Amino acid sequence: MSSVKECHSITHQLHQLLISAQQVDDHILKRADSLLQEREDLLPSIVPPFTEEERMLGAEMNKWNQVINLKMKALKGLIQRDINGLNKTKVTAQKYNNPYESLQTDGMFYDMRN
């Protein structure tokens, strides 16, 4: 199988995986990462001249890549939101466990007029 056809197959698998993903879980992230790595390893072996069939496959891959990029950005946003939520929960838990930790003592004075 030519490198373009292999890349097309891997891109199709990645496209289908991201389209069918309803939520973020470890399995989907690991599978997407492995497909991206396979495709990255394959890209240097793709060199011109291309046949007409390979050009059509390339055009189809470009369309899929646009969708893949949008889905990956959405996944990144979801992951970032989860991380921010965990950080916020951690800070809230620390404040609950030690409520006087974050008090500022600057600006205090003692009145010595007895």
PDB file of N, CA and C in Angstrom:
ATOM      1  N   MET A   1       0.851  -1.167   0.000  1.00  0.00           N
ATOM      2  CA  MET A   1       0.000   0.000   0.000  1.00  0.00           C
ATOM      3  C   MET A   1       0.902   1.236   0.000  1.00  0.00           C
ATOM      4  N   SER A   2       0.529   2.237  -0.771  1.00  0.00           N
ATOM      5  CA  SER A   2       1.341   3.443  -0.850  1.00  0.00           C
ATOM      6  C   SER A   2       1.206   4.255   0.442  1.00  0.00           C
ATOM      7  N   SER A   3       2.156   5.138   0.658  1.00  0.00           N
ATOM      8  CA  SER A   3       2.163   5.963   1.870  1.00  0.00           C
ATOM      9  C   SER A   3       0.937   6.867   1.930  1.00  0.00           C
ATOM     10  N   VAL A   4       0.505   7.356   0.788  1.00  0.00           N
ATOM     11  CA  VAL A   4      -0.667   8.231   0.754  1.00  0.00           C
ATOM     12  C   VAL A   4      -1.914   7.452   1.172  1.00  0.00           C
ATOM     13  N   LYS A   5      -2.039   6.226   0.688  1.00  0.00           N
ATOM     14  CA  LYS A   5      -3.205   5.414   1.051  1.00  0.00           C
ATOM     15  C   LYS A   5      -3.176   5.058   2.534  1.00  0.00           C
ATOM     16  N   GLU A   6      -2.001   4.761   3.073  1.00  0.00           N
ATOM     17  CA  GLU A   6      -1.889   4.464   4.501  1.00  0.00           C
ATOM     18  C   GLU A   6      -2.256   5.696   5.324  1.00  0.00           C
ATOM     19  N   CYS A   7      -1.750   6.844   4.913  1.00  0.00           N
ATOM     20  CA  CYS A   7      -2.057   8.090   5.611  1.00  0.00           C
ATOM     21  C   CYS A   7      -3.554   8.393   5.524  1.00  0.00           C
ATOM     22  N   HIS A   8      -4.149   8.138   4.378  1.00  0.00           N
ATOM     23  CA  HIS A   8      -5.591   8.325   4.187  1.00  0.00           C
ATOM     24  C   HIS A   8      -6.364   7.425   5.138  1.00  0.00           C
ATOM     25  N   SER A   9      -5.949   6.183   5.252  1.00  0.00           N
ATOM     26  CA  SER A   9      -6.617   5.233   6.143  1.00  0.00           C
ATOM     27  C   SER A   9      -6.517   5.676   7.605  1.00  0.00           C
ATOM     28  N   ILE A  10      -5.342   6.110   8.020  1.00  0.00           N
ATOM     29  CA  ILE A  10      -5.148   6.548   9.404  1.00  0.00           C
ATOM     30  C   ILE A  10      -5.947   7.818   9.679  1.00  0.00           C
ATOM     31  N   THR A  11      -5.954   8.745   8.729  1.00  0.00           N
ATOM     32  CA  THR A  11      -6.719   9.976   8.877  1.00  0.00           C
ATOM     33  C   THR A  11      -8.204   9.675   8.954  1.00  0.00           C
ATOM     34  N   HIS A  12      -8.669   8.730   8.166  1.00  0.00           N
ATOM     35  CA  HIS A  12     -10.079   8.328   8.208  1.00  0.00           C
ATOM     36  C   HIS A  12     -10.422   7.745   9.587  1.00  0.00           C
ATOM     37  N   GLN A  13      -9.558   6.897  10.119  1.00  0.00           N
ATOM     38  CA  GLN A  13      -9.796   6.315  11.448  1.00  0.00           C
ATOM     39  C   GLN A  13      -9.855   7.407  12.517  1.00  0.00           C
ATOM     40  N   LEU A  14      -8.944   8.355  12.444  1.00  0.00           N
ATOM     41  CA  LEU A  14      -8.913   9.456  13.402  1.00  0.00           C
ATOM     42  C   LEU A  14     -10.170  10.312  13.282  1.00  0.00           C
ATOM     43  N   HIS A  15     -10.563  10.591  12.053  1.00  0.00           N
ATOM     44  CA  HIS A  15     -11.776  11.377  11.802  1.00  0.00           C
ATOM     45  C   HIS A  15     -12.994  10.675  12.397  1.00  0.00           C
ATOM     46  N   GLN A  16     -13.142   9.393  12.135  1.00  0.00           N
ATOM     47  CA  GLN A  16     -14.273   8.638  12.659  1.00  0.00           C
ATOM     48  C   GLN A  16     -14.254   8.579  14.186  1.00  0.00           C
ATOM     49  N   LEU A  17     -13.082   8.415  14.774  1.00  0.00           N
ATOM     50  CA  LEU A  17     -12.956   8.362  16.227  1.00  0.00           C
ATOM     51  C   LEU A  17     -13.420   9.665  16.862  1.00  0.00           C
ATOM     52  N   LEU A  18     -12.977  10.785  16.314  1.00  0.00           N
ATOM     53  CA  LEU A  18     -13.327  12.070  16.903  1.00  0.00           C
ATOM     54  C   LEU A  18     -14.779  12.452  16.641  1.00  0.00           C
ATOM     55  N   ILE A  19     -15.303  12.061  15.504  1.00  0.00           N
ATOM     56  CA  ILE A  19     -16.706  12.348  15.203  1.00  0.00           C
ATOM     57  C   ILE A  19     -17.623  11.550  16.134  1.00  0.00           C
ATOM     58  N   SER A  20     -17.267  10.307  16.403  1.00  0.00           N
ATOM     59  CA  SER A  20     -18.135   9.447  17.213  1.00  0.00           C
ATOM     60  C   SER A  20     -17.956   9.662  18.710  1.00  0.00           C
ATOM     61  N   ALA A  21     -16.922  10.383  19.134  1.00  0.00           N
ATOM     62  CA  ALA A  21     -16.661  10.592  20.561  1.00  0.00           C
ATOM     63  C   ALA A  21     -17.718  11.528  21.151  1.00  0.00           C
ATOM     64  N   GLN A  22     -18.462  11.037  22.119  1.00  0.00           N
ATOM     65  CA  GLN A  22     -19.476  11.850  22.776  1.00  0.00           C
ATOM     66  C   GLN A  22     -18.902  12.599  23.977  1.00  0.00           C
ATOM     67  N   GLN A  23     -17.928  11.977  24.640  1.00  0.00           N
ATOM     68  CA  GLN A  23     -17.303  12.594  25.798  1.00  0.00           C
ATOM     69  C   GLN A  23     -15.820  12.245  25.824  1.00  0.00           C
ATOM     70  N   VAL A  24     -15.089  12.957  26.627  1.00  0.00           N
ATOM     71  CA  VAL A  24     -13.647  12.740  26.716  1.00  0.00           C
ATOM     72  C   VAL A  24     -13.386  11.623  27.717  1.00  0.00           C
ATOM     73  N   ASP A  25     -12.700  10.604  27.275  1.00  0.00           N
ATOM     74  CA  ASP A  25     -12.235   9.588  28.207  1.00  0.00           C
ATOM     75  C   ASP A  25     -10.831   9.148  27.809  1.00  0.00           C
ATOM     76  N   ASP A  26     -10.201   8.418  28.691  1.00  0.00           N
ATOM     77  CA  ASP A  26      -8.808   8.031  28.492  1.00  0.00           C
ATOM     78  C   ASP A  26      -8.605   7.197  27.231  1.00  0.00           C
ATOM     79  N   HIS A  27      -9.547   6.296  26.948  1.00  0.00           N
ATOM     80  CA  HIS A  27      -9.417   5.423  25.777  1.00  0.00           C
ATOM     81  C   HIS A  27      -9.370   6.236  24.489  1.00  0.00           C
ATOM     82  N   ILE A  28     -10.245   7.207  24.363  1.00  0.00           N
ATOM     83  CA  ILE A  28     -10.304   8.023  23.145  1.00  0.00           C
ATOM     84  C   ILE A  28      -9.034   8.853  23.003  1.00  0.00           C
ATOM     85  N   LEU A  29      -8.563   9.428  24.104  1.00  0.00           N
ATOM     86  CA  LEU A  29      -7.351  10.238  24.042  1.00  0.00           C
ATOM     87  C   LEU A  29      -6.137   9.398  23.662  1.00  0.00           C
ATOM     88  N   LYS A  30      -6.024   8.200  24.222  1.00  0.00           N
ATOM     89  CA  LYS A  30      -4.887   7.334  23.896  1.00  0.00           C
ATOM     90  C   LYS A  30      -4.945   6.875  22.445  1.00  0.00           C
ATOM     91  N   ARG A  31      -6.128   6.523  21.970  1.00  0.00           N
ATOM     92  CA  ARG A  31      -6.281   6.069  20.590  1.00  0.00           C
ATOM     93  C   ARG A  31      -5.978   7.209  19.608  1.00  0.00           C
ATOM     94  N   ALA A  32      -6.489   8.409  19.903  1.00  0.00           N
ATOM     95  CA  ALA A  32      -6.215   9.560  19.041  1.00  0.00           C
ATOM     96  C   ALA A  32      -4.718   9.874  19.027  1.00  0.00           C
ATOM     97  N   ASP A  33      -4.080   9.786  20.179  1.00  0.00           N
ATOM     98  CA  ASP A  33      -2.647  10.047  20.252  1.00  0.00           C
ATOM     99  C   ASP A  33      -1.860   9.027  19.436  1.00  0.00           C
ATOM    100  N   SER A  34      -2.241   7.755  19.516  1.00  0.00           N
ATOM    101  CA  SER A  34      -1.522   6.732  18.755  1.00  0.00           C
ATOM    102  C   SER A  34      -1.728   6.913  17.248  1.00  0.00           C
ATOM    103  N   LEU A  35      -2.940   7.278  16.826  1.00  0.00           N
ATOM    104  CA  LEU A  35      -3.196   7.520  15.406  1.00  0.00           C
ATOM    105  C   LEU A  35      -2.424   8.740  14.905  1.00  0.00           C
ATOM    106  N   LEU A  36      -2.378   9.784  15.712  1.00  0.00           N
ATOM    107  CA  LEU A  36      -1.616  10.971  15.318  1.00  0.00           C
ATOM    108  C   LEU A  36      -0.129  10.647  15.210  1.00  0.00           C
ATOM    109  N   GLN A  37       0.372   9.835  16.113  1.00  0.00           N
ATOM    110  CA  GLN A  37       1.787   9.456  16.067  1.00  0.00           C
ATOM    111  C   GLN A  37       2.085   8.606  14.834  1.00  0.00           C
ATOM    112  N   GLU A  38       1.187   7.655  14.514  1.00  0.00           N
ATOM    113  CA  GLU A  38       1.367   6.834  13.307  1.00  0.00           C
ATOM    114  C   GLU A  38       1.400   7.705  12.061  1.00  0.00           C
ATOM    115  N   ARG A  39       0.486   8.653  12.019  1.00  0.00           N
ATOM    116  CA  ARG A  39       0.397   9.526  10.852  1.00  0.00           C
ATOM    117  C   ARG A  39       1.628  10.428  10.747  1.00  0.00           C
ATOM    118  N   GLU A  40       2.096  10.917  11.888  1.00  0.00           N
ATOM    119  CA  GLU A  40       3.285  11.764  11.883  1.00  0.00           C
ATOM    120  C   GLU A  40       4.508  10.992  11.400  1.00  0.00           C
ATOM    121  N   ASP A  41       4.619   9.723  11.808  1.00  0.00           N
ATOM    122  CA  ASP A  41       5.738   8.897  11.365  1.00  0.00           C
ATOM    123  C   ASP A  41       5.672   8.610   9.863  1.00  0.00           C
ATOM    124  N   LEU A  42       4.464   8.587   9.326  1.00  0.00           N
ATOM    125  CA  LEU A  42       4.261   8.251   7.923  1.00  0.00           C
ATOM    126  C   LEU A  42       4.455   9.453   6.983  1.00  0.00           C
ATOM    127  N   LEU A  43       4.255  10.658   7.480  1.00  0.00           N
ATOM    128  CA  LEU A  43       4.288  11.845   6.619  1.00  0.00           C
ATOM    129  C   LEU A  43       5.603  12.059   5.860  1.00  0.00           C
ATOM    130  N   PRO A  44       6.783  11.804   6.450  1.00  0.00           N
ATOM    131  CA  PRO A  44       8.009  12.024   5.661  1.00  0.00           C
ATOM    132  C   PRO A  44       8.147  11.118   4.436  1.00  0.00           C
ATOM    133  N   SER A  45       7.442   9.986   4.442  1.00  0.00           N
ATOM    134  CA  SER A  45       7.554   9.076   3.306  1.00  0.00           C
ATOM    135  C   SER A  45       6.636   9.455   2.143  1.00  0.00           C
ATOM    136  N   ILE A  46       5.843  10.479   2.316  1.00  0.00           N
ATOM    137  CA  ILE A  46       4.944  10.938   1.253  1.00  0.00           C
ATOM    138  C   ILE A  46       5.679  11.993   0.432  1.00  0.00           C
ATOM    139  N   VAL A  47       6.034  11.628  -0.786  1.00  0.00           N
ATOM    140  CA  VAL A  47       6.778  12.539  -1.666  1.00  0.00           C
ATOM    141  C   VAL A  47       6.151  12.530  -3.062  1.00  0.00           C
ATOM    142  N   PRO A  48       6.186  13.665  -3.748  1.00  0.00           N
ATOM    143  CA  PRO A  48       5.670  13.714  -5.117  1.00  0.00           C
ATOM    144  C   PRO A  48       6.560  12.916  -6.047  1.00  0.00           C
ATOM    145  N   PRO A  49       6.151  12.604  -7.198  1.00  0.00           N
ATOM    146  CA  PRO A  49       4.915  12.969  -7.890  1.00  0.00           C
ATOM    147  C   PRO A  49       3.747  12.074  -7.445  1.00  0.00           C
ATOM    148  N   PHE A  50       2.571  12.646  -7.491  1.00  0.00           N
ATOM    149  CA  PHE A  50       1.372  11.954  -7.059  1.00  0.00           C
ATOM    150  C   PHE A  50       0.516  11.568  -8.255  1.00  0.00           C
ATOM    151  N   THR A  51      -0.150  10.437  -8.125  1.00  0.00           N
ATOM    152  CA  THR A  51      -1.108  10.030  -9.152  1.00  0.00           C
ATOM    153  C   THR A  51      -2.395  10.813  -8.939  1.00  0.00           C
ATOM    154  N   GLU A  52      -3.300  10.709  -9.880  1.00  0.00           N
ATOM    155  CA  GLU A  52      -4.590  11.399  -9.769  1.00  0.00           C
ATOM    156  C   GLU A  52      -5.374  10.870  -8.565  1.00  0.00           C
ATOM    157  N   GLU A  53      -5.308   9.567  -8.340  1.00  0.00           N
ATOM    158  CA  GLU A  53      -5.998   8.965  -7.189  1.00  0.00           C
ATOM    159  C   GLU A  53      -5.421   9.505  -5.876  1.00  0.00           C
ATOM    160  N   GLU A  54      -4.103   9.622  -5.803  1.00  0.00           N
ATOM    161  CA  GLU A  54      -3.468  10.134  -4.591  1.00  0.00           C
ATOM    162  C   GLU A  54      -3.827  11.605  -4.355  1.00  0.00           C
ATOM    163  N   ARG A  55      -3.985  12.375  -5.419  1.00  0.00           N
ATOM    164  CA  ARG A  55      -4.405  13.771  -5.278  1.00  0.00           C
ATOM    165  C   ARG A  55      -5.819  13.849  -4.713  1.00  0.00           C
ATOM    166  N   MET A  56      -6.689  12.966  -5.181  1.00  0.00           N
ATOM    167  CA  MET A  56      -8.066  12.949  -4.669  1.00  0.00           C
ATOM    168  C   MET A  56      -8.075  12.541  -3.191  1.00  0.00           C
ATOM    169  N   LEU A  57      -7.256  11.553  -2.849  1.00  0.00           N
ATOM    170  CA  LEU A  57      -7.163  11.138  -1.448  1.00  0.00           C
ATOM    171  C   LEU A  57      -6.623  12.274  -0.589  1.00  0.00           C
ATOM    172  N   GLY A  58      -5.656  13.014  -1.100  1.00  0.00           N
ATOM    173  CA  GLY A  58      -5.096  14.158  -0.384  1.00  0.00           C
ATOM    174  C   GLY A  58      -6.124  15.250  -0.145  1.00  0.00           C
ATOM    175  N   ALA A  59      -6.946  15.516  -1.150  1.00  0.00           N
ATOM    176  CA  ALA A  59      -7.996  16.522  -1.004  1.00  0.00           C
ATOM    177  C   ALA A  59      -9.001  16.096   0.063  1.00  0.00           C
ATOM    178  N   GLU A  60      -9.344  14.808   0.053  1.00  0.00           N
ATOM    179  CA  GLU A  60     -10.268  14.290   1.069  1.00  0.00           C
ATOM    180  C   GLU A  60      -9.648  14.376   2.462  1.00  0.00           C
ATOM    181  N   MET A  61      -8.352  14.070   2.565  1.00  0.00           N
ATOM    182  CA  MET A  61      -7.671  14.181   3.860  1.00  0.00           C
ATOM    183  C   MET A  61      -7.653  15.616   4.356  1.00  0.00           C
ATOM    184  N   ASN A  62      -7.495  16.584   3.452  1.00  0.00           N
ATOM    185  CA  ASN A  62      -7.508  17.994   3.854  1.00  0.00           C
ATOM    186  C   ASN A  62      -8.852  18.383   4.454  1.00  0.00           C
ATOM    187  N   LYS A  63      -9.943  17.906   3.856  1.00  0.00           N
ATOM    188  CA  LYS A  63     -11.279  18.184   4.402  1.00  0.00           C
ATOM    189  C   LYS A  63     -11.431  17.561   5.784  1.00  0.00           C
ATOM    190  N   TRP A  64     -10.973  16.321   5.924  1.00  0.00           N
ATOM    191  CA  TRP A  64     -11.054  15.649   7.227  1.00  0.00           C
ATOM    192  C   TRP A  64     -10.194  16.361   8.267  1.00  0.00           C
ATOM    193  N   ASN A  65      -9.030  16.848   7.854  1.00  0.00           N
ATOM    194  CA  ASN A  65      -8.131  17.519   8.792  1.00  0.00           C
ATOM    195  C   ASN A  65      -8.761  18.778   9.370  1.00  0.00           C
ATOM    196  N   GLN A  66      -9.558  19.473   8.591  1.00  0.00           N
ATOM    197  CA  GLN A  66     -10.239  20.655   9.111  1.00  0.00           C
ATOM    198  C   GLN A  66     -11.192  20.265  10.241  1.00  0.00           C
ATOM    199  N   VAL A  67     -11.941  19.184  10.038  1.00  0.00           N
ATOM    200  CA  VAL A  67     -12.853  18.701  11.071  1.00  0.00           C
ATOM    201  C   VAL A  67     -12.065  18.183  12.272  1.00  0.00           C
ATOM    202  N   ILE A  68     -10.977  17.464  12.013  1.00  0.00           N
ATOM    203  CA  ILE A  68     -10.148  16.916  13.085  1.00  0.00           C
ATOM    204  C   ILE A  68      -9.587  18.053  13.936  1.00  0.00           C
ATOM    205  N   ASN A  69      -9.115  19.123  13.300  1.00  0.00           N
ATOM    206  CA  ASN A  69      -8.573  20.263  14.047  1.00  0.00           C
ATOM    207  C   ASN A  69      -9.630  20.890  14.947  1.00  0.00           C
ATOM    208  N   LEU A  70     -10.847  21.048  14.428  1.00  0.00           N
ATOM    209  CA  LEU A  70     -11.922  21.614  15.244  1.00  0.00           C
ATOM    210  C   LEU A  70     -12.245  20.714  16.432  1.00  0.00           C
ATOM    211  N   LYS A  71     -12.319  19.421  16.193  1.00  0.00           N
ATOM    212  CA  LYS A  71     -12.623  18.481  17.277  1.00  0.00           C
ATOM    213  C   LYS A  71     -11.507  18.447  18.317  1.00  0.00           C
ATOM    214  N   MET A  72     -10.265  18.516  17.866  1.00  0.00           N
ATOM    215  CA  MET A  72      -9.139  18.503  18.795  1.00  0.00           C
ATOM    216  C   MET A  72      -9.130  19.778  19.649  1.00  0.00           C
ATOM    217  N   LYS A  73      -9.463  20.914  19.054  1.00  0.00           N
ATOM    218  CA  LYS A  73      -9.563  22.153  19.827  1.00  0.00           C
ATOM    219  C   LYS A  73     -10.676  22.056  20.860  1.00  0.00           C
ATOM    220  N   ALA A  74     -11.793  21.443  20.470  1.00  0.00           N
ATOM    221  CA  ALA A  74     -12.896  21.262  21.417  1.00  0.00           C
ATOM    222  C   ALA A  74     -12.474  20.342  22.564  1.00  0.00           C
ATOM    223  N   LEU A  75     -11.762  19.259  22.238  1.00  0.00           N
ATOM    224  CA  LEU A  75     -11.267  18.359  23.282  1.00  0.00           C
ATOM    225  C   LEU A  75     -10.300  19.082  24.210  1.00  0.00           C
ATOM    226  N   LYS A  76      -9.439  19.901  23.639  1.00  0.00           N
ATOM    227  CA  LYS A  76      -8.494  20.667  24.451  1.00  0.00           C
ATOM    228  C   LYS A  76      -9.250  21.590  25.402  1.00  0.00           C
ATOM    229  N   GLY A  77     -10.291  22.226  24.909  1.00  0.00           N
ATOM    230  CA  GLY A  77     -11.109  23.102  25.754  1.00  0.00           C
ATOM    231  C   GLY A  77     -11.763  22.348  26.894  1.00  0.00           C
ATOM    232  N   LEU A  78     -12.286  21.156  26.593  1.00  0.00           N
ATOM    233  CA  LEU A  78     -12.908  20.343  27.639  1.00  0.00           C
ATOM    234  C   LEU A  78     -11.889  19.913  28.691  1.00  0.00           C
ATOM    235  N   ILE A  79     -10.719  19.515  28.247  1.00  0.00           N
ATOM    236  CA  ILE A  79      -9.676  19.093  29.176  1.00  0.00           C
ATOM    237  C   ILE A  79      -9.229  20.279  30.025  1.00  0.00           C
ATOM    238  N   GLN A  80      -9.059  21.436  29.399  1.00  0.00           N
ATOM    239  CA  GLN A  80      -8.654  22.633  30.140  1.00  0.00           C
ATOM    240  C   GLN A  80      -9.710  23.017  31.167  1.00  0.00           C
ATOM    241  N   ARG A  81     -10.979  22.894  30.814  1.00  0.00           N
ATOM    242  CA  ARG A  81     -12.053  23.192  31.751  1.00  0.00           C
ATOM    243  C   ARG A  81     -12.012  22.236  32.938  1.00  0.00           C
ATOM    244  N   ASP A  82     -11.755  20.952  32.684  1.00  0.00           N
ATOM    245  CA  ASP A  82     -11.641  19.982  33.763  1.00  0.00           C
ATOM    246  C   ASP A  82     -10.468  20.299  34.681  1.00  0.00           C
ATOM    247  N   ILE A  83      -9.333  20.671  34.092  1.00  0.00           N
ATOM    248  CA  ILE A  83      -8.156  21.013  34.894  1.00  0.00           C
ATOM    249  C   ILE A  83      -8.437  22.244  35.753  1.00  0.00           C
ATOM    250  N   ASN A  84      -9.070  23.256  35.170  1.00  0.00           N
ATOM    251  CA  ASN A  84      -9.400  24.459  35.933  1.00  0.00           C
ATOM    252  C   ASN A  84     -10.364  24.138  37.074  1.00  0.00           C
ATOM    253  N   GLY A  85     -11.325  23.265  36.809  1.00  0.00           N
ATOM    254  CA  GLY A  85     -12.263  22.857  37.860  1.00  0.00           C
ATOM    255  C   GLY A  85     -11.560  22.123  38.990  1.00  0.00           C
ATOM    256  N   LEU A  86     -10.617  21.255  38.643  1.00  0.00           N
ATOM    257  CA  LEU A  86      -9.871  20.541  39.675  1.00  0.00           C
ATOM    258  C   LEU A  86      -9.012  21.493  40.499  1.00  0.00           C
ATOM    259  N   ASN A  87      -8.372  22.447  39.841  1.00  0.00           N
ATOM    260  CA  ASN A  87      -7.566  23.425  40.571  1.00  0.00           C
ATOM    261  C   ASN A  87      -8.425  24.263  41.507  1.00  0.00           C
ATOM    262  N   LYS A  88      -9.586  24.650  41.039  1.00  0.00           N
ATOM    263  CA  LYS A  88     -10.493  25.444  41.866  1.00  0.00           C
ATOM    264  C   LYS A  88     -10.968  24.622  43.067  1.00  0.00           C
ATOM    265  N   THR A  89     -11.264  23.359  42.856  1.00  0.00           N
ATOM    266  CA  THR A  89     -11.681  22.483  43.944  1.00  0.00           C
ATOM    267  C   THR A  89     -10.558  22.312  44.964  1.00  0.00           C
ATOM    268  N   LYS A  90      -9.326  22.190  44.464  1.00  0.00           N
ATOM    269  CA  LYS A  90      -8.181  22.030  45.359  1.00  0.00           C
ATOM    270  C   LYS A  90      -8.003  23.272  46.235  1.00  0.00           C
ATOM    271  N   VAL A  91      -8.118  24.458  45.650  1.00  0.00           N
ATOM    272  CA  VAL A  91      -7.971  25.701  46.402  1.00  0.00           C
ATOM    273  C   VAL A  91      -9.094  25.827  47.428  1.00  0.00           C
ATOM    274  N   THR A  92     -10.296  25.490  47.032  1.00  0.00           N
ATOM    275  CA  THR A  92     -11.431  25.565  47.946  1.00  0.00           C
ATOM    276  C   THR A  92     -11.250  24.596  49.110  1.00  0.00           C
ATOM    277  N   ALA A  93     -10.769  23.400  48.831  1.00  0.00           N
ATOM    278  CA  ALA A  93     -10.543  22.421  49.892  1.00  0.00           C
ATOM    279  C   ALA A  93      -9.453  22.895  50.848  1.00  0.00           C
ATOM    280  N   GLN A  94      -8.405  23.513  50.325  1.00  0.00           N
ATOM    281  CA  GLN A  94      -7.342  24.034  51.189  1.00  0.00           C
ATOM    282  C   GLN A  94      -7.872  25.154  52.079  1.00  0.00           C
ATOM    283  N   LYS A  95      -8.702  26.030  51.546  1.00  0.00           N
ATOM    284  CA  LYS A  95      -9.274  27.119  52.346  1.00  0.00           C
ATOM    285  C   LYS A  95     -10.216  26.566  53.416  1.00  0.00           C
ATOM    286  N   TYR A  96     -10.909  25.497  53.099  1.00  0.00           N
ATOM    287  CA  TYR A  96     -11.811  24.886  54.070  1.00  0.00           C
ATOM    288  C   TYR A  96     -11.019  24.230  55.196  1.00  0.00           C
ATOM    289  N   ASN A  97      -9.934  23.557  54.846  1.00  0.00           N
ATOM    290  CA  ASN A  97      -9.126  22.869  55.857  1.00  0.00           C
ATOM    291  C   ASN A  97      -8.357  23.848  56.742  1.00  0.00           C
ATOM    292  N   ASN A  98      -7.904  24.954  56.210  1.00  0.00           N
ATOM    293  CA  ASN A  98      -7.147  25.936  56.973  1.00  0.00           C
ATOM    294  C   ASN A  98      -7.645  27.329  56.601  1.00  0.00           C
ATOM    295  N   PRO A  99      -8.748  27.793  57.214  1.00  0.00           N
ATOM    296  CA  PRO A  99      -9.355  29.060  56.802  1.00  0.00           C
ATOM    297  C   PRO A  99      -8.506  30.288  57.135  1.00  0.00           C
ATOM    298  N   TYR A 100      -7.567  30.185  58.066  1.00  0.00           N
ATOM    299  CA  TYR A 100      -6.778  31.351  58.456  1.00  0.00           C
ATOM    300  C   TYR A 100      -5.447  31.437  57.735  1.00  0.00           C
ATOM    301  N   GLU A 101      -5.194  30.517  56.837  1.00  0.00           N
ATOM    302  CA  GLU A 101      -3.922  30.501  56.120  1.00  0.00           C
ATOM    303  C   GLU A 101      -3.744  31.727  55.226  1.00  0.00           C
ATOM    304  N   SER A 102      -4.797  32.177  54.601  1.00  0.00           N
ATOM    305  CA  SER A 102      -4.655  33.239  53.613  1.00  0.00           C
ATOM    306  C   SER A 102      -4.912  34.633  54.177  1.00  0.00           C
ATOM    307  N   LEU A 103      -5.024  34.769  55.486  1.00  0.00           N
ATOM    308  CA  LEU A 103      -5.236  36.101  56.055  1.00  0.00           C
ATOM    309  C   LEU A 103      -3.984  36.939  55.897  1.00  0.00           C
ATOM    310  N   GLN A 104      -4.179  38.185  55.558  1.00  0.00           N
ATOM    311  CA  GLN A 104      -3.052  39.091  55.397  1.00  0.00           C
ATOM    312  C   GLN A 104      -2.842  39.859  56.699  1.00  0.00           C
ATOM    313  N   THR A 105      -1.608  39.926  57.158  1.00  0.00           N
ATOM    314  CA  THR A 105      -1.301  40.633  58.398  1.00  0.00           C
ATOM    315  C   THR A 105      -0.709  42.005  58.131  1.00  0.00           C
ATOM    316  N   ASP A 106      -0.463  42.363  56.901  1.00  0.00           N
ATOM    317  CA  ASP A 106       0.045  43.701  56.592  1.00  0.00           C
ATOM    318  C   ASP A 106      -1.050  44.726  56.852  1.00  0.00           C
ATOM    319  N   GLY A 107      -0.632  45.920  57.302  1.00  0.00           N
ATOM    320  CA  GLY A 107      -1.590  46.990  57.527  1.00  0.00           C
ATOM    321  C   GLY A 107      -2.181  46.979  58.910  1.00  0.00           C
ATOM    322  N   MET A 108      -1.775  46.077  59.755  1.00  0.00           N
ATOM    323  CA  MET A 108      -2.285  46.043  61.122  1.00  0.00           C
ATOM    324  C   MET A 108      -1.431  46.966  61.987  1.00  0.00           C
ATOM    325  N   PHE A 109      -2.027  47.568  62.974  1.00  0.00           N
ATOM    326  CA  PHE A 109      -1.285  48.394  63.907  1.00  0.00           C
ATOM    327  C   PHE A 109      -1.871  48.197  65.299  1.00  0.00           C
ATOM    328  N   TYR A 110      -1.085  48.545  66.281  1.00  0.00           N
ATOM    329  CA  TYR A 110      -1.523  48.451  67.674  1.00  0.00           C
ATOM    330  C   TYR A 110      -1.648  49.881  68.227  1.00  0.00           C
ATOM    331  N   ASP A 111      -2.727  50.133  68.913  1.00  0.00           N
ATOM    332  CA  ASP A 111      -2.926  51.427  69.534  1.00  0.00           C
ATOM    333  C   ASP A 111      -2.320  51.368  70.930  1.00  0.00           C
ATOM    334  N   MET A 112      -1.306  52.193  71.187  1.00  0.00           N
ATOM    335  CA  MET A 112      -0.573  52.142  72.456  1.00  0.00           C
ATOM    336  C   MET A 112      -1.048  53.228  73.433  1.00  0.00           C
ATOM    337  N   ARG A 113      -2.209  53.833  73.308  1.00  0.00           N
ATOM    338  CA  ARG A 113      -2.675  54.908  74.177  1.00  0.00           C
ATOM    339  C   ARG A 113      -3.484  54.355  75.336  1.00  0.00           C
ATOM    340  N   ASN A 114      -2.925  53.776  76.300  1.00  0.00           N
ATOM    341  CA  ASN A 114      -3.708  53.279  77.435  1.00  0.00           C
ATOM    342  C   ASN A 114      -3.770  54.285  78.502  1.00  0.00           C
TER     343      ASN A 114
END
